[in-house]
């Protein structure tokens, strides 16, 4: 999550991992508004968030917005650049955030992280020619990128997941997403 990408005045883009990056975190209280007004404001906030760009060379390429809807109802909006993580990694991050929240910020219960160097070693051991041959055969006949369903792109942009927390959400000096070193 500490990765950024530099490309200006370079022959090719490079990934840069900084020692420390604080996640942009905002809180907004809409609890005093009617449900209809909350929905209107949420719609506007989400639309504005979708078009707010990230500076690729200024990590982290993730931000969070916690919206209070009532004493026991909140919406957490996590936005990230696709260069940072894909559709498989997002749920892993959210799961870890929820585990951190449930443990009061104690990261000892999280799974050990496999060093990225191990992944790079794995990739280096692969037979590139065999992989290109396999995927060339498997994807032959496809003329353009495609989704498995017509509505896949719309579904992804509009996904809302509801999670019930065992304890009420209370901002503390140890709120993990604010103070965690990512």
N, C-alpha and C. Protein backbone atom coordinates (compact mmCIF):
# COMPACT_ATOMS: atom_id res chain seq x y z
N UNK A 1 0.80 -1.20 0.00
CA UNK A 1 0.00 0.00 0.00
C UNK A 1 0.85 1.27 0.00
N UNK A 2 2.15 1.11 0.14
CA UNK A 2 3.04 2.28 0.15
C UNK A 2 3.62 2.57 -1.23
N UNK A 3 3.07 1.95 -2.25
CA UNK A 3 3.63 2.07 -3.60
C UNK A 3 3.08 3.29 -4.33
N UNK A 4 3.96 3.89 -5.10
CA UNK A 4 3.61 4.95 -6.03
C UNK A 4 4.30 4.64 -7.34
N UNK A 5 4.01 5.44 -8.35
CA UNK A 5 4.56 5.15 -9.67
C UNK A 5 5.04 6.44 -10.32
N UNK A 6 6.29 6.44 -10.74
CA UNK A 6 6.87 7.60 -11.40
C UNK A 6 7.05 7.27 -12.87
N UNK A 7 6.77 8.25 -13.72
CA UNK A 7 6.87 8.00 -15.15
C UNK A 7 7.34 9.23 -15.94
N UNK A 8 7.21 10.42 -15.37
CA UNK A 8 7.60 11.61 -16.12
C UNK A 8 9.11 11.67 -16.28
N UNK A 9 9.55 11.98 -17.48
CA UNK A 9 10.97 12.11 -17.82
C UNK A 9 11.75 10.81 -17.64
N UNK A 10 11.06 9.68 -17.71
CA UNK A 10 11.71 8.38 -17.62
C UNK A 10 11.42 7.60 -18.89
N UNK A 11 12.31 6.68 -19.23
CA UNK A 11 12.09 5.89 -20.44
C UNK A 11 10.97 4.86 -20.23
N UNK A 12 10.74 4.48 -18.98
CA UNK A 12 9.62 3.58 -18.66
C UNK A 12 9.21 3.84 -17.21
N UNK A 13 7.96 3.56 -16.89
CA UNK A 13 7.49 3.81 -15.52
C UNK A 13 8.21 2.92 -14.51
N UNK A 14 8.36 3.42 -13.29
CA UNK A 14 8.95 2.64 -12.21
C UNK A 14 8.06 2.72 -10.98
N UNK A 15 8.03 1.64 -10.23
CA UNK A 15 7.30 1.60 -8.98
C UNK A 15 8.25 2.06 -7.87
N UNK A 16 7.74 2.91 -6.99
CA UNK A 16 8.52 3.41 -5.86
C UNK A 16 7.75 3.06 -4.59
N UNK A 17 8.43 2.46 -3.63
CA UNK A 17 7.79 2.11 -2.36
C UNK A 17 8.42 3.00 -1.29
N UNK A 18 7.59 3.83 -0.68
CA UNK A 18 8.08 4.76 0.34
C UNK A 18 8.07 4.08 1.71
N UNK A 19 8.85 4.60 2.64
CA UNK A 19 8.95 4.01 3.97
C UNK A 19 7.69 4.17 4.80
N UNK A 20 6.97 5.26 4.59
CA UNK A 20 5.75 5.50 5.38
C UNK A 20 4.78 6.30 4.53
N UNK A 21 3.51 5.90 4.57
CA UNK A 21 2.47 6.62 3.83
C UNK A 21 1.20 6.59 4.67
N UNK A 22 0.65 7.75 4.94
CA UNK A 22 -0.58 7.82 5.73
C UNK A 22 -1.78 7.88 4.79
N UNK A 23 -2.75 7.04 5.06
CA UNK A 23 -3.97 6.98 4.25
C UNK A 23 -4.78 8.25 4.49
N UNK A 24 -5.22 8.88 3.41
CA UNK A 24 -6.12 10.02 3.54
C UNK A 24 -7.43 9.55 4.13
N UNK A 25 -7.82 10.11 5.26
CA UNK A 25 -9.01 9.65 5.98
C UNK A 25 -9.87 10.84 6.36
N UNK A 26 -11.12 10.80 5.94
CA UNK A 26 -12.07 11.86 6.29
C UNK A 26 -13.27 11.24 6.98
N UNK A 27 -13.87 12.00 7.87
CA UNK A 27 -15.11 11.58 8.52
C UNK A 27 -16.17 12.62 8.22
N UNK A 28 -17.38 12.16 8.01
CA UNK A 28 -18.49 13.04 7.70
C UNK A 28 -19.71 12.54 8.46
N UNK A 29 -20.40 13.43 9.16
CA UNK A 29 -21.57 13.05 9.94
C UNK A 29 -22.83 13.52 9.22
N UNK A 30 -23.61 12.57 8.73
CA UNK A 30 -24.89 12.87 8.09
C UNK A 30 -26.07 12.41 8.95
N UNK A 31 -25.78 12.08 10.20
CA UNK A 31 -26.81 11.49 11.05
C UNK A 31 -27.98 12.44 11.34
N UNK A 32 -27.78 13.73 11.21
CA UNK A 32 -28.85 14.68 11.48
C UNK A 32 -29.78 14.91 10.30
N UNK A 33 -29.51 14.24 9.18
CA UNK A 33 -30.32 14.44 7.97
C UNK A 33 -31.37 13.34 7.82
N UNK A 34 -32.41 13.65 7.09
CA UNK A 34 -33.42 12.62 6.79
C UNK A 34 -32.79 11.55 5.91
N UNK A 35 -33.42 10.39 5.86
CA UNK A 35 -32.89 9.30 5.03
C UNK A 35 -32.81 9.71 3.56
N UNK A 36 -33.80 10.43 3.08
CA UNK A 36 -33.80 10.89 1.68
C UNK A 36 -32.64 11.85 1.44
N UNK A 37 -32.39 12.76 2.37
CA UNK A 37 -31.29 13.71 2.22
C UNK A 37 -29.95 13.00 2.34
N UNK A 38 -29.87 12.01 3.22
CA UNK A 38 -28.64 11.21 3.32
C UNK A 38 -28.33 10.54 1.99
N UNK A 39 -29.34 9.91 1.38
CA UNK A 39 -29.14 9.23 0.10
C UNK A 39 -28.69 10.22 -0.98
N UNK A 40 -29.29 11.40 -0.99
CA UNK A 40 -28.90 12.42 -1.97
C UNK A 40 -27.44 12.84 -1.76
N UNK A 41 -27.06 13.09 -0.51
CA UNK A 41 -25.69 13.49 -0.21
C UNK A 41 -24.70 12.36 -0.51
N UNK A 42 -25.08 11.12 -0.14
CA UNK A 42 -24.22 9.97 -0.42
C UNK A 42 -23.98 9.83 -1.92
N UNK A 43 -25.02 9.97 -2.69
CA UNK A 43 -24.90 9.86 -4.14
C UNK A 43 -23.92 10.89 -4.67
N UNK A 44 -24.04 12.12 -4.19
CA UNK A 44 -23.11 13.17 -4.62
C UNK A 44 -21.68 12.92 -4.18
N UNK A 45 -21.52 12.46 -2.93
CA UNK A 45 -20.18 12.16 -2.42
C UNK A 45 -19.51 11.04 -3.22
N UNK A 46 -20.27 9.99 -3.50
CA UNK A 46 -19.71 8.86 -4.24
C UNK A 46 -19.37 9.26 -5.68
N UNK A 47 -20.22 10.08 -6.29
CA UNK A 47 -19.93 10.56 -7.65
C UNK A 47 -18.66 11.40 -7.66
N UNK A 48 -18.53 12.30 -6.68
CA UNK A 48 -17.34 13.15 -6.60
C UNK A 48 -16.09 12.31 -6.34
N UNK A 49 -16.22 11.29 -5.49
CA UNK A 49 -15.08 10.44 -5.17
C UNK A 49 -14.60 9.67 -6.40
N UNK A 50 -15.54 9.22 -7.23
CA UNK A 50 -15.18 8.45 -8.43
C UNK A 50 -14.32 9.27 -9.39
N UNK A 51 -14.53 10.57 -9.45
CA UNK A 51 -13.78 11.38 -10.42
C UNK A 51 -12.54 12.03 -9.81
N UNK A 52 -12.38 11.94 -8.49
CA UNK A 52 -11.18 12.50 -7.86
C UNK A 52 -9.98 11.62 -8.19
N UNK A 53 -9.00 12.20 -8.81
CA UNK A 53 -7.85 11.43 -9.28
C UNK A 53 -6.80 11.28 -8.19
N UNK A 54 -5.96 10.29 -8.36
CA UNK A 54 -4.80 10.10 -7.49
C UNK A 54 -3.57 10.63 -8.21
N UNK A 55 -2.65 11.21 -7.46
CA UNK A 55 -1.34 11.55 -8.01
C UNK A 55 -0.50 10.28 -7.90
N UNK A 56 -0.19 9.67 -9.03
CA UNK A 56 0.48 8.36 -9.01
C UNK A 56 1.82 8.38 -8.30
N UNK A 57 2.46 9.53 -8.26
CA UNK A 57 3.78 9.62 -7.63
C UNK A 57 3.69 10.06 -6.17
N UNK A 58 2.50 10.05 -5.58
CA UNK A 58 2.30 10.47 -4.19
C UNK A 58 1.51 9.41 -3.42
N UNK A 59 2.18 8.31 -3.00
CA UNK A 59 1.47 7.27 -2.29
C UNK A 59 0.99 7.75 -0.92
N UNK A 60 -0.02 7.07 -0.37
CA UNK A 60 -0.64 5.87 -0.90
C UNK A 60 -1.73 6.21 -1.90
N UNK A 61 -1.99 5.29 -2.78
CA UNK A 61 -3.02 5.47 -3.81
C UNK A 61 -4.33 4.88 -3.32
N UNK A 62 -4.65 5.21 -2.09
CA UNK A 62 -5.88 4.77 -1.44
C UNK A 62 -6.33 5.89 -0.50
N UNK A 63 -7.64 6.01 -0.35
CA UNK A 63 -8.20 6.99 0.59
C UNK A 63 -9.46 6.39 1.20
N UNK A 64 -9.86 6.94 2.35
CA UNK A 64 -11.02 6.42 3.06
C UNK A 64 -11.92 7.57 3.51
N UNK A 65 -13.20 7.30 3.48
CA UNK A 65 -14.21 8.24 3.95
C UNK A 65 -15.18 7.46 4.83
N UNK A 66 -15.30 7.86 6.09
CA UNK A 66 -16.23 7.22 7.01
C UNK A 66 -17.42 8.16 7.18
N UNK A 67 -18.59 7.67 6.81
CA UNK A 67 -19.80 8.48 6.86
C UNK A 67 -20.72 7.93 7.95
N UNK A 68 -21.03 8.78 8.91
CA UNK A 68 -21.94 8.38 10.00
C UNK A 68 -23.37 8.67 9.55
N UNK A 69 -24.20 7.63 9.51
CA UNK A 69 -25.59 7.77 9.11
C UNK A 69 -26.52 7.79 10.32
N UNK A 70 -26.13 7.10 11.39
CA UNK A 70 -26.86 7.11 12.65
C UNK A 70 -25.88 6.61 13.71
N UNK A 71 -26.36 6.51 14.95
CA UNK A 71 -25.47 6.07 16.03
C UNK A 71 -24.88 4.68 15.76
N UNK A 72 -25.64 3.83 15.06
CA UNK A 72 -25.16 2.46 14.83
C UNK A 72 -25.08 2.09 13.35
N UNK A 73 -25.05 3.08 12.49
CA UNK A 73 -24.96 2.82 11.04
C UNK A 73 -23.96 3.78 10.41
N UNK A 74 -22.95 3.20 9.77
CA UNK A 74 -21.91 3.97 9.10
C UNK A 74 -21.67 3.39 7.72
N UNK A 75 -21.10 4.18 6.86
CA UNK A 75 -20.66 3.67 5.57
C UNK A 75 -19.19 4.05 5.43
N UNK A 76 -18.36 3.05 5.16
CA UNK A 76 -16.94 3.27 4.93
C UNK A 76 -16.70 3.15 3.44
N UNK A 77 -16.18 4.21 2.86
CA UNK A 77 -15.88 4.22 1.43
C UNK A 77 -14.36 4.15 1.29
N UNK A 78 -13.87 3.05 0.74
CA UNK A 78 -12.45 2.89 0.45
C UNK A 78 -12.27 3.03 -1.06
N UNK A 79 -11.41 3.94 -1.45
CA UNK A 79 -11.16 4.15 -2.87
C UNK A 79 -9.67 3.94 -3.12
N UNK A 80 -9.36 3.22 -4.17
CA UNK A 80 -7.95 2.97 -4.49
C UNK A 80 -7.77 2.99 -6.00
N UNK A 81 -6.53 3.22 -6.41
CA UNK A 81 -6.20 3.15 -7.83
C UNK A 81 -5.97 1.68 -8.18
N UNK A 82 -6.40 1.31 -9.38
CA UNK A 82 -6.26 -0.09 -9.79
C UNK A 82 -4.79 -0.52 -9.90
N UNK A 83 -3.87 0.43 -10.08
CA UNK A 83 -2.45 0.07 -10.08
C UNK A 83 -2.03 -0.49 -8.73
N UNK A 84 -2.71 -0.06 -7.68
CA UNK A 84 -2.34 -0.47 -6.33
C UNK A 84 -2.84 -1.86 -5.99
N UNK A 85 -4.11 -2.12 -6.29
CA UNK A 85 -4.65 -3.45 -6.02
C UNK A 85 -5.82 -3.72 -6.95
N UNK A 86 -6.06 -5.01 -7.15
CA UNK A 86 -7.10 -5.41 -8.08
C UNK A 86 -8.34 -5.89 -7.32
N UNK A 87 -9.28 -6.42 -8.06
CA UNK A 87 -10.53 -6.89 -7.48
C UNK A 87 -10.38 -8.05 -6.51
N UNK A 88 -9.28 -8.77 -6.59
CA UNK A 88 -9.05 -9.88 -5.65
C UNK A 88 -8.45 -9.35 -4.36
N UNK A 89 -7.63 -8.32 -4.45
CA UNK A 89 -6.93 -7.80 -3.28
C UNK A 89 -7.80 -6.92 -2.40
N UNK A 90 -8.78 -6.23 -2.99
CA UNK A 90 -9.64 -5.34 -2.21
C UNK A 90 -10.34 -6.04 -1.05
N UNK A 91 -10.99 -7.19 -1.29
CA UNK A 91 -11.64 -7.89 -0.18
C UNK A 91 -10.65 -8.35 0.90
N UNK A 92 -9.42 -8.66 0.51
CA UNK A 92 -8.41 -9.05 1.50
C UNK A 92 -8.12 -7.86 2.41
N UNK A 93 -7.95 -6.68 1.81
CA UNK A 93 -7.70 -5.47 2.60
C UNK A 93 -8.86 -5.18 3.54
N UNK A 94 -10.08 -5.24 3.04
CA UNK A 94 -11.25 -4.95 3.88
C UNK A 94 -11.34 -5.96 5.02
N UNK A 95 -11.11 -7.23 4.72
CA UNK A 95 -11.13 -8.25 5.77
C UNK A 95 -10.09 -7.97 6.85
N UNK A 96 -8.90 -7.56 6.44
CA UNK A 96 -7.85 -7.24 7.42
C UNK A 96 -8.22 -6.00 8.22
N UNK A 97 -8.81 -5.00 7.58
CA UNK A 97 -9.24 -3.81 8.31
C UNK A 97 -10.30 -4.16 9.36
N UNK A 98 -11.24 -5.02 9.00
CA UNK A 98 -12.27 -5.42 9.95
C UNK A 98 -11.68 -6.23 11.11
N UNK A 99 -10.70 -7.10 10.81
CA UNK A 99 -10.04 -7.84 11.88
C UNK A 99 -9.27 -6.89 12.79
N UNK A 100 -8.59 -5.90 12.21
CA UNK A 100 -7.88 -4.91 13.02
C UNK A 100 -8.85 -4.13 13.89
N UNK A 101 -9.97 -3.74 13.32
CA UNK A 101 -10.97 -3.01 14.10
C UNK A 101 -11.49 -3.87 15.25
N UNK A 102 -11.80 -5.11 14.95
CA UNK A 102 -12.32 -6.01 15.98
C UNK A 102 -11.33 -6.30 17.09
N UNK A 103 -10.04 -6.19 16.78
CA UNK A 103 -9.01 -6.46 17.79
C UNK A 103 -8.48 -5.19 18.43
N UNK A 104 -9.12 -4.06 18.15
CA UNK A 104 -8.65 -2.80 18.73
C UNK A 104 -7.33 -2.33 18.16
N UNK A 105 -7.01 -2.77 16.95
CA UNK A 105 -5.77 -2.35 16.29
C UNK A 105 -4.61 -3.30 16.48
N UNK A 106 -4.83 -4.42 17.15
CA UNK A 106 -3.77 -5.41 17.38
C UNK A 106 -3.59 -6.25 16.12
N UNK A 107 -2.46 -6.10 15.45
CA UNK A 107 -2.21 -6.78 14.19
C UNK A 107 -1.67 -8.19 14.37
N UNK A 108 -1.48 -8.65 15.60
CA UNK A 108 -0.89 -9.97 15.80
C UNK A 108 -1.76 -11.10 15.27
N UNK A 109 -3.06 -10.88 15.10
CA UNK A 109 -3.94 -11.92 14.59
C UNK A 109 -4.00 -12.01 13.08
N UNK A 110 -3.34 -11.08 12.40
CA UNK A 110 -3.34 -11.12 10.93
C UNK A 110 -2.37 -12.18 10.42
N UNK A 111 -2.68 -12.74 9.28
CA UNK A 111 -1.80 -13.74 8.67
C UNK A 111 -0.44 -13.11 8.33
N UNK A 112 0.59 -13.90 8.41
CA UNK A 112 1.92 -13.43 8.05
C UNK A 112 1.94 -13.04 6.57
N UNK A 113 2.63 -11.98 6.26
CA UNK A 113 2.70 -11.49 4.89
C UNK A 113 3.84 -12.20 4.16
N UNK A 114 3.53 -12.71 2.97
CA UNK A 114 4.56 -13.30 2.14
C UNK A 114 5.33 -12.17 1.47
N UNK A 115 6.64 -12.15 1.60
CA UNK A 115 7.41 -11.05 0.99
C UNK A 115 7.21 -11.01 -0.53
N UNK A 116 7.13 -9.83 -1.07
CA UNK A 116 6.96 -9.64 -2.51
C UNK A 116 8.12 -10.30 -3.26
N UNK A 117 9.26 -10.32 -2.64
CA UNK A 117 10.44 -10.95 -3.26
C UNK A 117 10.17 -12.43 -3.58
N UNK A 118 9.39 -13.11 -2.73
CA UNK A 118 9.04 -14.51 -2.99
C UNK A 118 8.20 -14.62 -4.26
N UNK A 119 7.27 -13.67 -4.45
CA UNK A 119 6.45 -13.66 -5.68
C UNK A 119 7.34 -13.42 -6.89
N UNK A 120 8.26 -12.48 -6.79
CA UNK A 120 9.15 -12.20 -7.91
C UNK A 120 10.00 -13.41 -8.25
N UNK A 121 10.44 -14.14 -7.23
CA UNK A 121 11.21 -15.37 -7.47
C UNK A 121 10.35 -16.41 -8.17
N UNK A 122 9.10 -16.52 -7.75
CA UNK A 122 8.16 -17.46 -8.38
C UNK A 122 7.98 -17.10 -9.86
N UNK A 123 7.77 -15.84 -10.15
CA UNK A 123 7.58 -15.39 -11.54
C UNK A 123 8.83 -15.68 -12.36
N UNK A 124 10.00 -15.44 -11.79
CA UNK A 124 11.26 -15.65 -12.51
C UNK A 124 11.46 -17.12 -12.87
N UNK A 125 10.90 -18.04 -12.08
CA UNK A 125 11.05 -19.48 -12.34
C UNK A 125 10.08 -20.00 -13.40
N UNK A 126 9.12 -19.20 -13.80
CA UNK A 126 8.10 -19.67 -14.75
C UNK A 126 8.66 -19.75 -16.17
N UNK A 127 8.11 -20.65 -16.95
CA UNK A 127 8.48 -20.81 -18.35
C UNK A 127 7.62 -19.85 -19.17
N UNK A 128 8.18 -18.71 -19.52
CA UNK A 128 7.44 -17.65 -20.21
C UNK A 128 6.93 -18.13 -21.58
N UNK A 129 7.76 -18.83 -22.32
CA UNK A 129 7.36 -19.31 -23.64
C UNK A 129 6.16 -20.26 -23.53
N UNK A 130 6.20 -21.16 -22.56
CA UNK A 130 5.10 -22.11 -22.38
C UNK A 130 3.82 -21.38 -21.97
N UNK A 131 3.94 -20.36 -21.10
CA UNK A 131 2.76 -19.59 -20.67
C UNK A 131 2.16 -18.83 -21.85
N UNK A 132 3.00 -18.20 -22.67
CA UNK A 132 2.50 -17.47 -23.83
C UNK A 132 1.80 -18.42 -24.81
N UNK A 133 2.37 -19.59 -24.99
CA UNK A 133 1.75 -20.57 -25.88
C UNK A 133 0.39 -21.02 -25.34
N UNK A 134 0.34 -21.33 -24.06
CA UNK A 134 -0.91 -21.78 -23.44
C UNK A 134 -2.00 -20.72 -23.57
N UNK A 135 -1.69 -19.49 -23.15
CA UNK A 135 -2.71 -18.43 -23.17
C UNK A 135 -3.05 -18.00 -24.59
N UNK A 136 -2.09 -18.09 -25.50
CA UNK A 136 -2.39 -17.80 -26.90
C UNK A 136 -3.42 -18.76 -27.46
N UNK A 137 -3.29 -20.04 -27.10
CA UNK A 137 -4.26 -21.05 -27.53
C UNK A 137 -5.59 -20.86 -26.81
N UNK A 138 -5.54 -20.66 -25.49
CA UNK A 138 -6.78 -20.54 -24.70
C UNK A 138 -7.61 -19.34 -25.12
N UNK A 139 -6.96 -18.26 -25.52
CA UNK A 139 -7.68 -17.03 -25.86
C UNK A 139 -7.83 -16.81 -27.37
N UNK A 140 -7.43 -17.79 -28.16
CA UNK A 140 -7.54 -17.62 -29.60
C UNK A 140 -9.01 -17.46 -29.98
N UNK A 141 -9.25 -16.62 -30.94
CA UNK A 141 -10.61 -16.37 -31.38
C UNK A 141 -11.25 -15.16 -30.72
N UNK A 142 -10.71 -14.71 -29.59
CA UNK A 142 -11.24 -13.50 -28.97
C UNK A 142 -10.71 -12.29 -29.73
N UNK A 143 -11.62 -11.41 -30.11
CA UNK A 143 -11.20 -10.25 -30.90
C UNK A 143 -11.09 -8.99 -30.06
N UNK A 144 -11.64 -8.98 -28.86
CA UNK A 144 -11.59 -7.78 -28.02
C UNK A 144 -11.77 -8.18 -26.56
N UNK A 145 -11.43 -7.28 -25.63
CA UNK A 145 -11.69 -7.58 -24.22
C UNK A 145 -13.19 -7.72 -24.00
N UNK A 146 -13.58 -8.51 -23.02
CA UNK A 146 -15.00 -8.68 -22.75
C UNK A 146 -15.23 -9.05 -21.30
N UNK A 147 -16.45 -8.78 -20.83
CA UNK A 147 -16.88 -9.18 -19.50
C UNK A 147 -17.68 -10.46 -19.65
N UNK A 148 -17.73 -11.23 -18.58
CA UNK A 148 -18.50 -12.47 -18.64
C UNK A 148 -20.00 -12.19 -18.65
N UNK A 149 -20.42 -11.01 -18.20
CA UNK A 149 -21.81 -10.59 -18.29
C UNK A 149 -21.83 -9.14 -18.78
N UNK A 150 -22.91 -8.74 -19.37
CA UNK A 150 -23.01 -7.36 -19.86
C UNK A 150 -22.97 -6.34 -18.74
N UNK A 151 -23.40 -6.74 -17.55
CA UNK A 151 -23.50 -5.77 -16.47
C UNK A 151 -22.32 -5.81 -15.50
N UNK A 152 -21.26 -6.54 -15.83
CA UNK A 152 -20.15 -6.69 -14.89
C UNK A 152 -19.52 -5.36 -14.52
N UNK A 153 -19.28 -4.48 -15.49
CA UNK A 153 -18.64 -3.20 -15.19
C UNK A 153 -19.53 -2.35 -14.30
N UNK A 154 -20.82 -2.32 -14.57
CA UNK A 154 -21.75 -1.55 -13.74
C UNK A 154 -21.83 -2.14 -12.35
N UNK A 155 -21.87 -3.46 -12.25
CA UNK A 155 -21.92 -4.12 -10.94
C UNK A 155 -20.73 -3.71 -10.10
N UNK A 156 -19.53 -3.75 -10.67
CA UNK A 156 -18.32 -3.46 -9.90
C UNK A 156 -18.35 -2.03 -9.37
N UNK A 157 -18.76 -1.07 -10.18
CA UNK A 157 -18.78 0.32 -9.77
C UNK A 157 -19.81 0.60 -8.68
N UNK A 158 -20.84 -0.21 -8.59
CA UNK A 158 -21.94 0.07 -7.68
C UNK A 158 -22.08 -0.96 -6.56
N UNK A 159 -21.02 -1.67 -6.25
CA UNK A 159 -21.10 -2.69 -5.22
C UNK A 159 -21.08 -2.07 -3.83
N UNK A 160 -22.04 -2.43 -3.03
CA UNK A 160 -22.08 -2.01 -1.63
C UNK A 160 -22.17 -3.28 -0.80
N UNK A 161 -21.23 -3.45 0.10
CA UNK A 161 -21.24 -4.61 0.98
C UNK A 161 -21.61 -4.15 2.38
N UNK A 162 -22.52 -4.85 3.01
CA UNK A 162 -22.94 -4.52 4.36
C UNK A 162 -22.27 -5.48 5.32
N UNK A 163 -21.65 -4.93 6.35
CA UNK A 163 -20.98 -5.73 7.37
C UNK A 163 -21.51 -5.29 8.72
N UNK A 164 -21.92 -6.23 9.54
CA UNK A 164 -22.37 -5.91 10.89
C UNK A 164 -21.20 -6.14 11.83
N UNK A 165 -20.84 -5.10 12.59
CA UNK A 165 -19.73 -5.19 13.52
C UNK A 165 -20.23 -5.65 14.88
N UNK A 166 -19.41 -6.43 15.57
CA UNK A 166 -19.79 -6.95 16.88
C UNK A 166 -19.86 -5.84 17.92
N UNK A 167 -19.08 -4.78 17.73
CA UNK A 167 -19.10 -3.67 18.68
C UNK A 167 -19.34 -2.38 17.90
N UNK A 168 -19.90 -1.37 18.57
CA UNK A 168 -20.20 -0.12 17.86
C UNK A 168 -18.94 0.55 17.35
N UNK A 169 -19.08 1.26 16.25
CA UNK A 169 -17.97 1.98 15.66
C UNK A 169 -17.77 3.27 16.43
N UNK A 170 -16.61 3.39 17.06
CA UNK A 170 -16.30 4.59 17.82
C UNK A 170 -14.91 5.05 17.41
N UNK A 171 -14.76 6.29 16.96
CA UNK A 171 -13.42 6.80 16.67
C UNK A 171 -12.60 6.80 17.96
N UNK A 172 -11.37 6.35 17.86
CA UNK A 172 -10.47 6.36 19.01
C UNK A 172 -9.12 6.84 18.55
N UNK A 173 -8.25 7.08 19.50
CA UNK A 173 -6.90 7.48 19.14
C UNK A 173 -6.16 6.36 18.44
N UNK A 174 -6.72 5.13 18.51
CA UNK A 174 -6.08 3.97 17.88
C UNK A 174 -6.84 3.51 16.66
N UNK A 175 -7.63 4.38 16.03
CA UNK A 175 -8.37 3.97 14.84
C UNK A 175 -7.35 3.48 13.82
N UNK A 176 -7.34 2.17 13.49
CA UNK A 176 -6.26 1.59 12.69
C UNK A 176 -6.00 2.26 11.36
N UNK A 177 -7.04 2.60 10.62
CA UNK A 177 -6.80 3.12 9.28
C UNK A 177 -6.10 4.47 9.31
N UNK A 178 -6.25 5.21 10.40
CA UNK A 178 -5.64 6.52 10.49
C UNK A 178 -4.19 6.41 10.92
N UNK A 179 -3.92 5.56 11.89
CA UNK A 179 -2.60 5.55 12.50
C UNK A 179 -1.70 4.42 12.01
N UNK A 180 -2.26 3.49 11.27
CA UNK A 180 -1.46 2.34 10.85
C UNK A 180 -0.38 2.74 9.86
N UNK A 181 0.75 2.10 9.98
CA UNK A 181 1.79 2.28 8.99
C UNK A 181 1.47 1.30 7.87
N UNK A 182 1.20 1.82 6.69
CA UNK A 182 0.81 0.95 5.58
C UNK A 182 1.91 0.80 4.58
